[in-house]
PDB file of all heavy atoms in Angstrom:
ATOM      1  N   GLY A   1     155.913 169.977 -80.626  1.00  0.00           N
ATOM      2  CA  GLY A   1     156.104 169.491 -79.280  1.00  0.00           C
ATOM      3  C   GLY A   1     155.510 170.374 -78.203  1.00  0.00           C
ATOM      4  O   GLY A   1     155.819 170.187 -77.020  1.00  0.00           O
ATOM      5  N   ARG A   2     154.668 171.319 -78.583  1.00  0.00           N
ATOM      6  CA  ARG A   2     154.104 172.249 -77.613  1.00  0.00           C
ATOM      7  C   ARG A   2     152.901 171.689 -76.867  1.00  0.00           C
ATOM      8  O   ARG A   2     152.538 172.203 -75.806  1.00  0.00           O
ATOM      9  CB  ARG A   2     153.697 173.543 -78.319  1.00  0.00           C
ATOM     10  CG  ARG A   2     154.866 174.296 -78.931  1.00  0.00           C
ATOM     11  CD  ARG A   2     154.393 175.461 -79.763  1.00  0.00           C
ATOM     12  NE  ARG A   2     155.498 176.208 -80.352  1.00  0.00           N
ATOM     13  CZ  ARG A   2     155.360 177.181 -81.231  1.00  0.00           C
ATOM     14  NH1 ARG A   2     154.147 177.542 -81.639  1.00  0.00           N
ATOM     15  NH2 ARG A   2     156.430 177.801 -81.712  1.00  0.00           N
ATOM     16  N   THR A   3     152.289 170.649 -77.419  1.00  0.00           N
ATOM     17  CA  THR A   3     151.100 170.056 -76.817  1.00  0.00           C
ATOM     18  C   THR A   3     151.280 168.550 -76.723  1.00  0.00           C
ATOM     19  O   THR A   3     151.723 167.911 -77.684  1.00  0.00           O
ATOM     20  CB  THR A   3     149.845 170.374 -77.643  1.00  0.00           C
ATOM     21  OG1 THR A   3     149.710 171.784 -77.792  1.00  0.00           O
ATOM     22  CG2 THR A   3     148.603 169.817 -76.962  1.00  0.00           C
ATOM     23  N   THR A   4     150.949 168.000 -75.577  1.00  0.00           N
ATOM     24  CA  THR A   4     151.003 166.558 -75.386  1.00  0.00           C
ATOM     25  C   THR A   4     149.719 166.060 -74.743  1.00  0.00           C
ATOM     26  O   THR A   4     149.039 166.798 -74.023  1.00  0.00           O
ATOM     27  CB  THR A   4     152.194 166.141 -74.514  1.00  0.00           C
ATOM     28  OG1 THR A   4     152.107 166.806 -73.242  1.00  0.00           O
ATOM     29  CG2 THR A   4     153.508 166.500 -75.182  1.00  0.00           C
ATOM     30  N   TYR A   5     149.398 164.797 -75.004  1.00  0.00           N
ATOM     31  CA  TYR A   5     148.261 164.138 -74.398  1.00  0.00           C
ATOM     32  C   TYR A   5     148.693 162.768 -73.929  1.00  0.00           C
ATOM     33  O   TYR A   5     149.543 162.119 -74.545  1.00  0.00           O
ATOM     34  CB  TYR A   5     147.107 163.989 -75.395  1.00  0.00           C
ATOM     35  CG  TYR A   5     146.509 165.290 -75.863  1.00  0.00           C
ATOM     36  CD1 TYR A   5     146.863 165.838 -77.086  1.00  0.00           C
ATOM     37  CD2 TYR A   5     145.577 165.966 -75.083  1.00  0.00           C
ATOM     38  CE1 TYR A   5     146.315 167.029 -77.527  1.00  0.00           C
ATOM     39  CE2 TYR A   5     145.025 167.156 -75.516  1.00  0.00           C
ATOM     40  CZ  TYR A   5     145.396 167.680 -76.735  1.00  0.00           C
ATOM     41  OH  TYR A   5     144.840 168.866 -77.166  1.00  0.00           O
ATOM     42  N   TYR A   6     148.090 162.321 -72.841  1.00  0.00           N
ATOM     43  CA  TYR A   6     148.403 161.021 -72.288  1.00  0.00           C
ATOM     44  C   TYR A   6     147.135 160.293 -71.886  1.00  0.00           C
ATOM     45  O   TYR A   6     146.156 160.913 -71.454  1.00  0.00           O
ATOM     46  CB  TYR A   6     149.292 161.151 -71.054  1.00  0.00           C
ATOM     47  CG  TYR A   6     150.655 161.719 -71.340  1.00  0.00           C
ATOM     48  CD1 TYR A   6     150.898 163.080 -71.210  1.00  0.00           C
ATOM     49  CD2 TYR A   6     151.700 160.896 -71.733  1.00  0.00           C
ATOM     50  CE1 TYR A   6     152.147 163.609 -71.470  1.00  0.00           C
ATOM     51  CE2 TYR A   6     152.952 161.421 -71.995  1.00  0.00           C
ATOM     52  CZ  TYR A   6     153.172 162.773 -71.864  1.00  0.00           C
ATOM     53  OH  TYR A   6     154.418 163.293 -72.130  1.00  0.00           O
ATOM     54  N   ALA A   7     147.176 158.991 -72.037  1.00  0.00           N
ATOM     55  CA  ALA A   7     146.125 158.175 -71.465  1.00  0.00           C
ATOM     56  C   ALA A   7     146.202 158.259 -69.945  1.00  0.00           C
ATOM     57  O   ALA A   7     147.286 158.374 -69.370  1.00  0.00           O
ATOM     58  CB  ALA A   7     146.263 156.724 -71.923  1.00  0.00           C
ATOM     59  N   ASP A   8     145.050 158.198 -69.301  1.00  0.00           N
ATOM     60  CA  ASP A   8     145.026 158.278 -67.842  1.00  0.00           C
ATOM     61  C   ASP A   8     145.869 157.182 -67.196  1.00  0.00           C
ATOM     62  O   ASP A   8     146.473 157.394 -66.139  1.00  0.00           O
ATOM     63  CB  ASP A   8     143.590 158.190 -67.330  1.00  0.00           C
ATOM     64  CG  ASP A   8     142.781 159.425 -67.662  1.00  0.00           C
ATOM     65  OD1 ASP A   8     143.374 160.477 -67.947  1.00  0.00           O
ATOM     66  OD2 ASP A   8     141.535 159.334 -67.627  1.00  0.00           O
ATOM     67  N   SER A   9     145.936 156.043 -67.829  1.00  0.00           N
ATOM     68  CA  SER A   9     146.637 154.908 -67.263  1.00  0.00           C
ATOM     69  C   SER A   9     148.154 155.090 -67.222  1.00  0.00           C
ATOM     70  O   SER A   9     148.837 154.386 -66.477  1.00  0.00           O
ATOM     71  CB  SER A   9     146.302 153.633 -68.040  1.00  0.00           C
ATOM     72  OG  SER A   9     146.661 153.766 -69.406  1.00  0.00           O
ATOM     73  N   VAL A  10     148.680 156.024 -68.016  1.00  0.00           N
ATOM     74  CA  VAL A  10     150.128 156.211 -68.076  1.00  0.00           C
ATOM     75  C   VAL A  10     150.567 157.597 -67.642  1.00  0.00           C
ATOM     76  O   VAL A  10     151.775 157.832 -67.488  1.00  0.00           O
ATOM     77  CB  VAL A  10     150.672 155.937 -69.491  1.00  0.00           C
ATOM     78  CG1 VAL A  10     150.242 154.558 -69.971  1.00  0.00           C
ATOM     79  CG2 VAL A  10     150.234 157.012 -70.473  1.00  0.00           C
ATOM     80  N   LYS A  11     149.640 158.492 -67.429  1.00  0.00           N
ATOM     81  CA  LYS A  11     149.977 159.862 -67.073  1.00  0.00           C
ATOM     82  C   LYS A  11     150.763 159.891 -65.760  1.00  0.00           C
ATOM     83  O   LYS A  11     150.388 159.258 -64.780  1.00  0.00           O
ATOM     84  CB  LYS A  11     148.714 160.709 -66.951  1.00  0.00           C
ATOM     85  CG  LYS A  11     148.988 162.203 -66.951  1.00  0.00           C
ATOM     86  CD  LYS A  11     147.696 162.988 -67.112  1.00  0.00           C
ATOM     87  CE  LYS A  11     147.972 164.468 -67.281  1.00  0.00           C
ATOM     88  NZ  LYS A  11     146.730 165.236 -67.508  1.00  0.00           N
ATOM     89  N   GLY A  12     151.856 160.631 -65.773  1.00  0.00           N
ATOM     90  CA  GLY A  12     152.730 160.686 -64.620  1.00  0.00           C
ATOM     91  C   GLY A  12     153.833 159.661 -64.642  1.00  0.00           C
ATOM     92  O   GLY A  12     154.804 159.785 -63.877  1.00  0.00           O
ATOM     93  N   ARG A  13     153.704 158.653 -65.490  1.00  0.00           N
ATOM     94  CA  ARG A  13     154.719 157.613 -65.604  1.00  0.00           C
ATOM     95  C   ARG A  13     155.439 157.647 -66.948  1.00  0.00           C
ATOM     96  O   ARG A  13     156.630 157.361 -67.020  1.00  0.00           O
ATOM     97  CB  ARG A  13     154.098 156.228 -65.407  1.00  0.00           C
ATOM     98  CG  ARG A  13     153.447 156.028 -64.051  1.00  0.00           C
ATOM     99  CD  ARG A  13     153.025 154.581 -63.849  1.00  0.00           C
ATOM    100  NE  ARG A  13     152.034 154.165 -64.837  1.00  0.00           N
ATOM    101  CZ  ARG A  13     152.198 153.158 -65.697  1.00  0.00           C
ATOM    102  NH1 ARG A  13     153.336 152.465 -65.689  1.00  0.00           N
ATOM    103  NH2 ARG A  13     151.237 152.841 -66.552  1.00  0.00           N
ATOM    104  N   PHE A  14     154.709 157.967 -67.998  1.00  0.00           N
ATOM    105  CA  PHE A  14     155.270 157.997 -69.352  1.00  0.00           C
ATOM    106  C   PHE A  14     155.444 159.440 -69.815  1.00  0.00           C
ATOM    107  O   PHE A  14     154.659 160.325 -69.453  1.00  0.00           O
ATOM    108  CB  PHE A  14     154.351 157.286 -70.340  1.00  0.00           C
ATOM    109  CG  PHE A  14     154.254 155.793 -70.169  1.00  0.00           C
ATOM    110  CD1 PHE A  14     154.789 155.150 -69.071  1.00  0.00           C
ATOM    111  CD2 PHE A  14     153.615 155.039 -71.137  1.00  0.00           C
ATOM    112  CE1 PHE A  14     154.690 153.775 -68.916  1.00  0.00           C
ATOM    113  CE2 PHE A  14     153.507 153.668 -71.003  1.00  0.00           C
ATOM    114  CZ  PHE A  14     154.045 153.030 -69.895  1.00  0.00           C
ATOM    115  N   THR A  15     156.440 159.662 -70.650  1.00  0.00           N
ATOM    116  CA  THR A  15     156.678 160.970 -71.232  1.00  0.00           C
ATOM    117  C   THR A  15     156.971 160.823 -72.717  1.00  0.00           C
ATOM    118  O   THR A  15     157.871 160.076 -73.100  1.00  0.00           O
ATOM    119  CB  THR A  15     157.853 161.691 -70.561  1.00  0.00           C
ATOM    120  OG1 THR A  15     157.606 161.834 -69.157  1.00  0.00           O
ATOM    121  CG2 THR A  15     158.046 163.075 -71.168  1.00  0.00           C
ATOM    122  N   ILE A  16     156.209 161.528 -73.536  1.00  0.00           N
ATOM    123  CA  ILE A  16     156.465 161.541 -74.966  1.00  0.00           C
ATOM    124  C   ILE A  16     157.256 162.796 -75.312  1.00  0.00           C
ATOM    125  O   ILE A  16     157.002 163.873 -74.766  1.00  0.00           O
ATOM    126  CB  ILE A  16     155.153 161.460 -75.781  1.00  0.00           C
ATOM    127  CG1 ILE A  16     155.463 161.284 -77.272  1.00  0.00           C
ATOM    128  CG2 ILE A  16     154.273 162.676 -75.535  1.00  0.00           C
ATOM    129  CD1 ILE A  16     154.233 160.980 -78.115  1.00  0.00           C
ATOM    130  N   SER A  17     158.204 162.665 -76.197  1.00  0.00           N
ATOM    131  CA  SER A  17     159.001 163.797 -76.636  1.00  0.00           C
ATOM    132  C   SER A  17     159.435 163.573 -78.075  1.00  0.00           C
ATOM    133  O   SER A  17     159.292 162.473 -78.608  1.00  0.00           O
ATOM    134  CB  SER A  17     160.222 163.997 -75.727  1.00  0.00           C
ATOM    135  OG  SER A  17     161.070 162.863 -75.757  1.00  0.00           O
ATOM    136  N   ARG A  18     159.944 164.618 -78.692  1.00  0.00           N
ATOM    137  CA  ARG A  18     160.400 164.480 -80.068  1.00  0.00           C
ATOM    138  C   ARG A  18     161.609 165.358 -80.312  1.00  0.00           C
ATOM    139  O   ARG A  18     161.803 166.388 -79.662  1.00  0.00           O
ATOM    140  CB  ARG A  18     159.276 164.815 -81.053  1.00  0.00           C
ATOM    141  CG  ARG A  18     158.826 166.270 -81.051  1.00  0.00           C
ATOM    142  CD  ARG A  18     157.534 166.445 -81.840  1.00  0.00           C
ATOM    143  NE  ARG A  18     157.689 166.044 -83.235  1.00  0.00           N
ATOM    144  CZ  ARG A  18     156.686 165.815 -84.075  1.00  0.00           C
ATOM    145  NH1 ARG A  18     155.427 165.927 -83.639  1.00  0.00           N
ATOM    146  NH2 ARG A  18     156.921 165.468 -85.333  1.00  0.00           N
ATOM    147  N   ASP A  19     162.412 164.939 -81.259  1.00  0.00           N
ATOM    148  CA  ASP A  19     163.570 165.687 -81.702  1.00  0.00           C
ATOM    149  C   ASP A  19     163.463 165.766 -83.217  1.00  0.00           C
ATOM    150  O   ASP A  19     163.859 164.842 -83.926  1.00  0.00           O
ATOM    151  CB  ASP A  19     164.862 165.011 -81.272  1.00  0.00           C
ATOM    152  CG  ASP A  19     166.092 165.838 -81.590  1.00  0.00           C
ATOM    153  OD1 ASP A  19     166.021 166.721 -82.460  1.00  0.00           O
ATOM    154  OD2 ASP A  19     167.144 165.600 -80.965  1.00  0.00           O
ATOM    155  N   ASN A  20     162.906 166.860 -83.700  1.00  0.00           N
ATOM    156  CA  ASN A  20     162.649 166.977 -85.129  1.00  0.00           C
ATOM    157  C   ASN A  20     163.933 167.039 -85.954  1.00  0.00           C
ATOM    158  O   ASN A  20     163.945 166.632 -87.116  1.00  0.00           O
ATOM    159  CB  ASN A  20     161.791 168.208 -85.404  1.00  0.00           C
ATOM    160  CG  ASN A  20     160.378 168.045 -84.896  1.00  0.00           C
ATOM    161  OD1 ASN A  20     159.900 166.927 -84.704  1.00  0.00           O
ATOM    162  ND2 ASN A  20     159.686 169.154 -84.669  1.00  0.00           N
ATOM    163  N   ALA A  21     164.995 167.552 -85.366  1.00  0.00           N
ATOM    164  CA  ALA A  21     166.271 167.595 -86.071  1.00  0.00           C
ATOM    165  C   ALA A  21     166.785 166.194 -86.370  1.00  0.00           C
ATOM    166  O   ALA A  21     167.504 165.985 -87.348  1.00  0.00           O
ATOM    167  CB  ALA A  21     167.299 168.380 -85.266  1.00  0.00           C
ATOM    168  N   LYS A  22     166.421 165.238 -85.525  1.00  0.00           N
ATOM    169  CA  LYS A  22     166.838 163.855 -85.699  1.00  0.00           C
ATOM    170  C   LYS A  22     165.732 162.971 -86.265  1.00  0.00           C
ATOM    171  O   LYS A  22     165.938 161.765 -86.430  1.00  0.00           O
ATOM    172  CB  LYS A  22     167.325 163.277 -84.377  1.00  0.00           C
ATOM    173  CG  LYS A  22     168.561 163.957 -83.823  1.00  0.00           C
ATOM    174  CD  LYS A  22     169.009 163.297 -82.530  1.00  0.00           C
ATOM    175  CE  LYS A  22     170.275 163.934 -82.000  1.00  0.00           C
ATOM    176  NZ  LYS A  22     170.724 163.296 -80.734  1.00  0.00           N
ATOM    177  N   ASN A  23     164.575 163.552 -86.534  1.00  0.00           N
ATOM    178  CA  ASN A  23     163.432 162.794 -87.043  1.00  0.00           C
ATOM    179  C   ASN A  23     163.082 161.619 -86.136  1.00  0.00           C
ATOM    180  O   ASN A  23     162.890 160.486 -86.592  1.00  0.00           O
ATOM    181  CB  ASN A  23     163.705 162.297 -88.465  1.00  0.00           C
ATOM    182  CG  ASN A  23     163.625 163.404 -89.493  1.00  0.00           C
ATOM    183  OD1 ASN A  23     163.171 164.509 -89.212  1.00  0.00           O
ATOM    184  ND2 ASN A  23     164.070 163.104 -90.705  1.00  0.00           N
ATOM    185  N   THR A  24     163.007 161.904 -84.856  1.00  0.00           N
ATOM    186  CA  THR A  24     162.718 160.853 -83.892  1.00  0.00           C
ATOM    187  C   THR A  24     161.677 161.307 -82.874  1.00  0.00           C
ATOM    188  O   THR A  24     161.561 162.493 -82.571  1.00  0.00           O
ATOM    189  CB  THR A  24     163.972 160.412 -83.124  1.00  0.00           C
ATOM    190  OG1 THR A  24     164.579 161.549 -82.500  1.00  0.00           O
ATOM    191  CG2 THR A  24     164.978 159.757 -84.057  1.00  0.00           C
ATOM    192  N   VAL A  25     160.931 160.351 -82.376  1.00  0.00           N
ATOM    193  CA  VAL A  25     160.015 160.571 -81.271  1.00  0.00           C
ATOM    194  C   VAL A  25     160.288 159.493 -80.235  1.00  0.00           C
ATOM    195  O   VAL A  25     160.624 158.356 -80.591  1.00  0.00           O
ATOM    196  CB  VAL A  25     158.543 160.569 -81.740  1.00  0.00           C
ATOM    197  CG1 VAL A  25     158.164 159.221 -82.346  1.00  0.00           C
ATOM    198  CG2 VAL A  25     157.613 160.931 -80.596  1.00  0.00           C
ATOM    199  N   TYR A  26     160.148 159.849 -78.976  1.00  0.00           N
ATOM    200  CA  TYR A  26     160.494 158.948 -77.896  1.00  0.00           C
ATOM    201  C   TYR A  26     159.309 158.727 -76.967  1.00  0.00           C
ATOM    202  O   TYR A  26     158.424 159.570 -76.852  1.00  0.00           O
ATOM    203  CB  TYR A  26     161.651 159.509 -77.071  1.00  0.00           C
ATOM    204  CG  TYR A  26     162.869 159.870 -77.876  1.00  0.00           C
ATOM    205  CD1 TYR A  26     163.062 161.166 -78.327  1.00  0.00           C
ATOM    206  CD2 TYR A  26     163.829 158.909 -78.185  1.00  0.00           C
ATOM    207  CE1 TYR A  26     164.177 161.503 -79.066  1.00  0.00           C
ATOM    208  CE2 TYR A  26     164.948 159.240 -78.921  1.00  0.00           C
ATOM    209  CZ  TYR A  26     165.123 160.538 -79.359  1.00  0.00           C
ATOM    210  OH  TYR A  26     166.236 160.874 -80.094  1.00  0.00           O
ATOM    211  N   LEU A  27     159.337 157.614 -76.304  1.00  0.00           N
ATOM    212  CA  LEU A  27     158.400 157.357 -75.219  1.00  0.00           C
ATOM    213  C   LEU A  27     159.205 156.830 -74.042  1.00  0.00           C
ATOM    214  O   LEU A  27     159.656 155.683 -74.058  1.00  0.00           O
ATOM    215  CB  LEU A  27     157.325 156.348 -75.622  1.00  0.00           C
ATOM    216  CG  LEU A  27     156.247 156.100 -74.566  1.00  0.00           C
ATOM    217  CD1 LEU A  27     155.387 157.352 -74.377  1.00  0.00           C
ATOM    218  CD2 LEU A  27     155.370 154.909 -74.947  1.00  0.00           C
ATOM    219  N   GLN A  28     159.397 157.686 -73.057  1.00  0.00           N
ATOM    220  CA  GLN A  28     160.081 157.285 -71.842  1.00  0.00           C
ATOM    221  C   GLN A  28     159.058 156.682 -70.896  1.00  0.00           C
ATOM    222  O   GLN A  28     158.094 157.346 -70.514  1.00  0.00           O
ATOM    223  CB  GLN A  28     160.765 158.487 -71.188  1.00  0.00           C
ATOM    224  CG  GLN A  28     161.473 158.160 -69.883  1.00  0.00           C
ATOM    225  CD  GLN A  28     162.651 157.228 -70.078  1.00  0.00           C
ATOM    226  OE1 GLN A  28     163.460 157.428 -70.967  1.00  0.00           O
ATOM    227  NE2 GLN A  28     162.730 156.200 -69.243  1.00  0.00           N
ATOM    228  N   MET A  29     159.264 155.446 -70.512  1.00  0.00           N
ATOM    229  CA  MET A  29     158.326 154.723 -69.673  1.00  0.00           C
ATOM    230  C   MET A  29     158.993 154.403 -68.345  1.00  0.00           C
ATOM    231  O   MET A  29     159.979 153.671 -68.297  1.00  0.00           O
ATOM    232  CB  MET A  29     157.857 153.438 -70.360  1.00  0.00           C
ATOM    233  CG  MET A  29     157.259 153.666 -71.743  1.00  0.00           C
ATOM    234  SD  MET A  29     156.614 152.144 -72.494  1.00  0.00           S
ATOM    235  CE  MET A  29     158.147 151.243 -72.722  1.00  0.00           C
ATOM    236  N   ASN A  30     158.452 154.960 -67.286  1.00  0.00           N
ATOM    237  CA  ASN A  30     158.958 154.736 -65.943  1.00  0.00           C
ATOM    238  C   ASN A  30     157.905 154.039 -65.097  1.00  0.00           C
ATOM    239  O   ASN A  30     156.724 154.029 -65.431  1.00  0.00           O
ATOM    240  CB  ASN A  30     159.356 156.058 -65.287  1.00  0.00           C
ATOM    241  CG  ASN A  30     160.457 156.780 -66.018  1.00  0.00           C
ATOM    242  OD1 ASN A  30     161.350 156.158 -66.596  1.00  0.00           O
ATOM    243  ND2 ASN A  30     160.414 158.109 -65.990  1.00  0.00           N
ATOM    244  N   SER A  31     158.345 153.480 -63.991  1.00  0.00           N
ATOM    245  CA  SER A  31     157.442 152.792 -63.064  1.00  0.00           C
ATOM    246  C   SER A  31     156.542 151.809 -63.795  1.00  0.00           C
ATOM    247  O   SER A  31     155.324 151.775 -63.604  1.00  0.00           O
ATOM    248  CB  SER A  31     156.603 153.810 -62.287  1.00  0.00           C
ATOM    249  OG  SER A  31     157.423 154.696 -61.559  1.00  0.00           O
ATOM    250  N   LEU A  32     157.142 151.003 -64.619  1.00  0.00           N
ATOM    251  CA  LEU A  32     156.374 150.092 -65.458  1.00  0.00           C
ATOM    252  C   LEU A  32     155.632 149.047 -64.636  1.00  0.00           C
ATOM    253  O   LEU A  32     156.120 148.579 -63.604  1.00  0.00           O
ATOM    254  CB  LEU A  32     157.294 149.411 -66.462  1.00  0.00           C
ATOM    255  CG  LEU A  32     157.689 150.290 -67.647  1.00  0.00           C
ATOM    256  CD1 LEU A  32     158.903 149.723 -68.358  1.00  0.00           C
ATOM    257  CD2 LEU A  32     156.518 150.414 -68.621  1.00  0.00           C
ATOM    258  N   LYS A  33     154.458 148.702 -65.128  1.00  0.00           N
ATOM    259  CA  LYS A  33     153.594 147.730 -64.492  1.00  0.00           C
ATOM    260  C   LYS A  33     153.351 146.571 -65.444  1.00  0.00           C
ATOM    261  O   LYS A  33     153.445 146.738 -66.663  1.00  0.00           O
ATOM    262  CB  LYS A  33     152.250 148.365 -64.128  1.00  0.00           C
ATOM    263  CG  LYS A  33     152.347 149.608 -63.265  1.00  0.00           C
ATOM    264  CD  LYS A  33     150.972 150.224 -63.071  1.00  0.00           C
ATOM    265  CE  LYS A  33     151.042 151.475 -62.232  1.00  0.00           C
ATOM    266  NZ  LYS A  33     149.700 152.095 -62.068  1.00  0.00           N
ATOM    267  N   PRO A  34     153.009 145.403 -64.920  1.00  0.00           N
ATOM    268  CA  PRO A  34     152.676 144.290 -65.818  1.00  0.00           C
ATOM    269  C   PRO A  34     151.560 144.635 -66.798  1.00  0.00           C
ATOM    270  O   PRO A  34     151.553 144.114 -67.918  1.00  0.00           O
ATOM    271  CB  PRO A  34     152.242 143.184 -64.849  1.00  0.00           C
ATOM    272  CG  PRO A  34     153.001 143.472 -63.607  1.00  0.00           C
ATOM    273  CD  PRO A  34     153.049 144.982 -63.518  1.00  0.00           C
ATOM    274  N   GLU A  35     150.651 145.507 -66.400  1.00  0.00           N
ATOM    275  CA  GLU A  35     149.561 145.927 -67.272  1.00  0.00           C
ATOM    276  C   GLU A  35     150.041 146.715 -68.487  1.00  0.00           C
ATOM    277  O   GLU A  35     149.275 146.912 -69.427  1.00  0.00           O
ATOM    278  CB  GLU A  35     148.546 146.777 -66.497  1.00  0.00           C
ATOM    279  CG  GLU A  35     148.012 146.117 -65.247  1.00  0.00           C
ATOM    280  CD  GLU A  35     148.813 146.503 -64.013  1.00  0.00           C
ATOM    281  OE1 GLU A  35     149.820 145.822 -63.735  1.00  0.00           O
ATOM    282  OE2 GLU A  35     148.422 147.474 -63.334  1.00  0.00           O
ATOM    283  N   ASP A  36     151.280 147.175 -68.460  1.00  0.00           N
ATOM    284  CA  ASP A  36     151.846 147.891 -69.595  1.00  0.00           C
ATOM    285  C   ASP A  36     152.337 146.957 -70.692  1.00  0.00           C
ATOM    286  O   ASP A  36     152.737 147.428 -71.760  1.00  0.00           O
ATOM    287  CB  ASP A  36     153.003 148.782 -69.144  1.00  0.00           C
ATOM    288  CG  ASP A  36     152.557 149.880 -68.192  1.00  0.00           C
ATOM    289  OD1 ASP A  36     151.493 150.482 -68.432  1.00  0.00           O
ATOM    290  OD2 ASP A  36     153.288 150.129 -67.208  1.00  0.00           O
ATOM    291  N   THR A  37     152.336 145.674 -70.428  1.00  0.00           N
ATOM    292  CA  THR A  37     152.790 144.707 -71.416  1.00  0.00           C
ATOM    293  C   THR A  37     151.919 144.777 -72.664  1.00  0.00           C
ATOM    294  O   THR A  37     150.697 144.643 -72.590  1.00  0.00           O
ATOM    295  CB  THR A  37     152.757 143.292 -70.838  1.00  0.00           C
ATOM    296  OG1 THR A  37     153.696 143.198 -69.760  1.00  0.00           O
ATOM    297  CG2 THR A  37     153.115 142.263 -71.899  1.00  0.00           C
ATOM    298  N   ALA A  38     152.551 145.002 -73.801  1.00  0.00           N
ATOM    299  CA  ALA A  38     151.828 145.154 -75.055  1.00  0.00           C
ATOM    300  C   ALA A  38     152.825 145.346 -76.182  1.00  0.00           C
ATOM    301  O   ALA A  38     154.021 145.549 -75.953  1.00  0.00           O
ATOM    302  CB  ALA A  38     150.872 146.351 -75.000  1.00  0.00           C
ATOM    303  N   VAL A  39     152.314 145.294 -77.398  1.00  0.00           N
ATOM    304  CA  VAL A  39     153.075 145.739 -78.545  1.00  0.00           C
ATOM    305  C   VAL A  39     152.826 147.231 -78.696  1.00  0.00           C
ATOM    306  O   VAL A  39     151.675 147.664 -78.757  1.00  0.00           O
ATOM    307  CB  VAL A  39     152.676 144.998 -79.834  1.00  0.00           C
ATOM    308  CG1 VAL A  39     153.434 145.556 -81.033  1.00  0.00           C
ATOM    309  CG2 VAL A  39     152.947 143.505 -79.683  1.00  0.00           C
ATOM    310  N   TYR A  40     153.879 148.006 -78.753  1.00  0.00           N
ATOM    311  CA  TYR A  40     153.776 149.449 -78.847  1.00  0.00           C
ATOM    312  C   TYR A  40     154.031 149.906 -80.275  1.00  0.00           C
ATOM    313  O   TYR A  40     155.011 149.495 -80.901  1.00  0.00           O
ATOM    314  CB  TYR A  40     154.766 150.120 -77.894  1.00  0.00           C
ATOM    315  CG  TYR A  40     154.312 150.076 -76.460  1.00  0.00           C
ATOM    316  CD1 TYR A  40     154.299 148.881 -75.753  1.00  0.00           C
ATOM    317  CD2 TYR A  40     153.879 151.235 -75.816  1.00  0.00           C
ATOM    318  CE1 TYR A  40     153.860 148.835 -74.440  1.00  0.00           C
ATOM    319  CE2 TYR A  40     153.444 151.197 -74.504  1.00  0.00           C
ATOM    320  CZ  TYR A  40     153.437 150.000 -73.818  1.00  0.00           C
ATOM    321  OH  TYR A  40     153.007 149.960 -72.512  1.00  0.00           O
TER     322      TYR A  40
END
């Protein structure tokens, strides 16, 4: 979790994080736009 990368279209709005103890990764999406509509 020391390095992250973001697409320009989501930078500043989305945050990726992980919790290895729980074997999970998250994508927090804020300020969502209709253009974000997709299968993730």
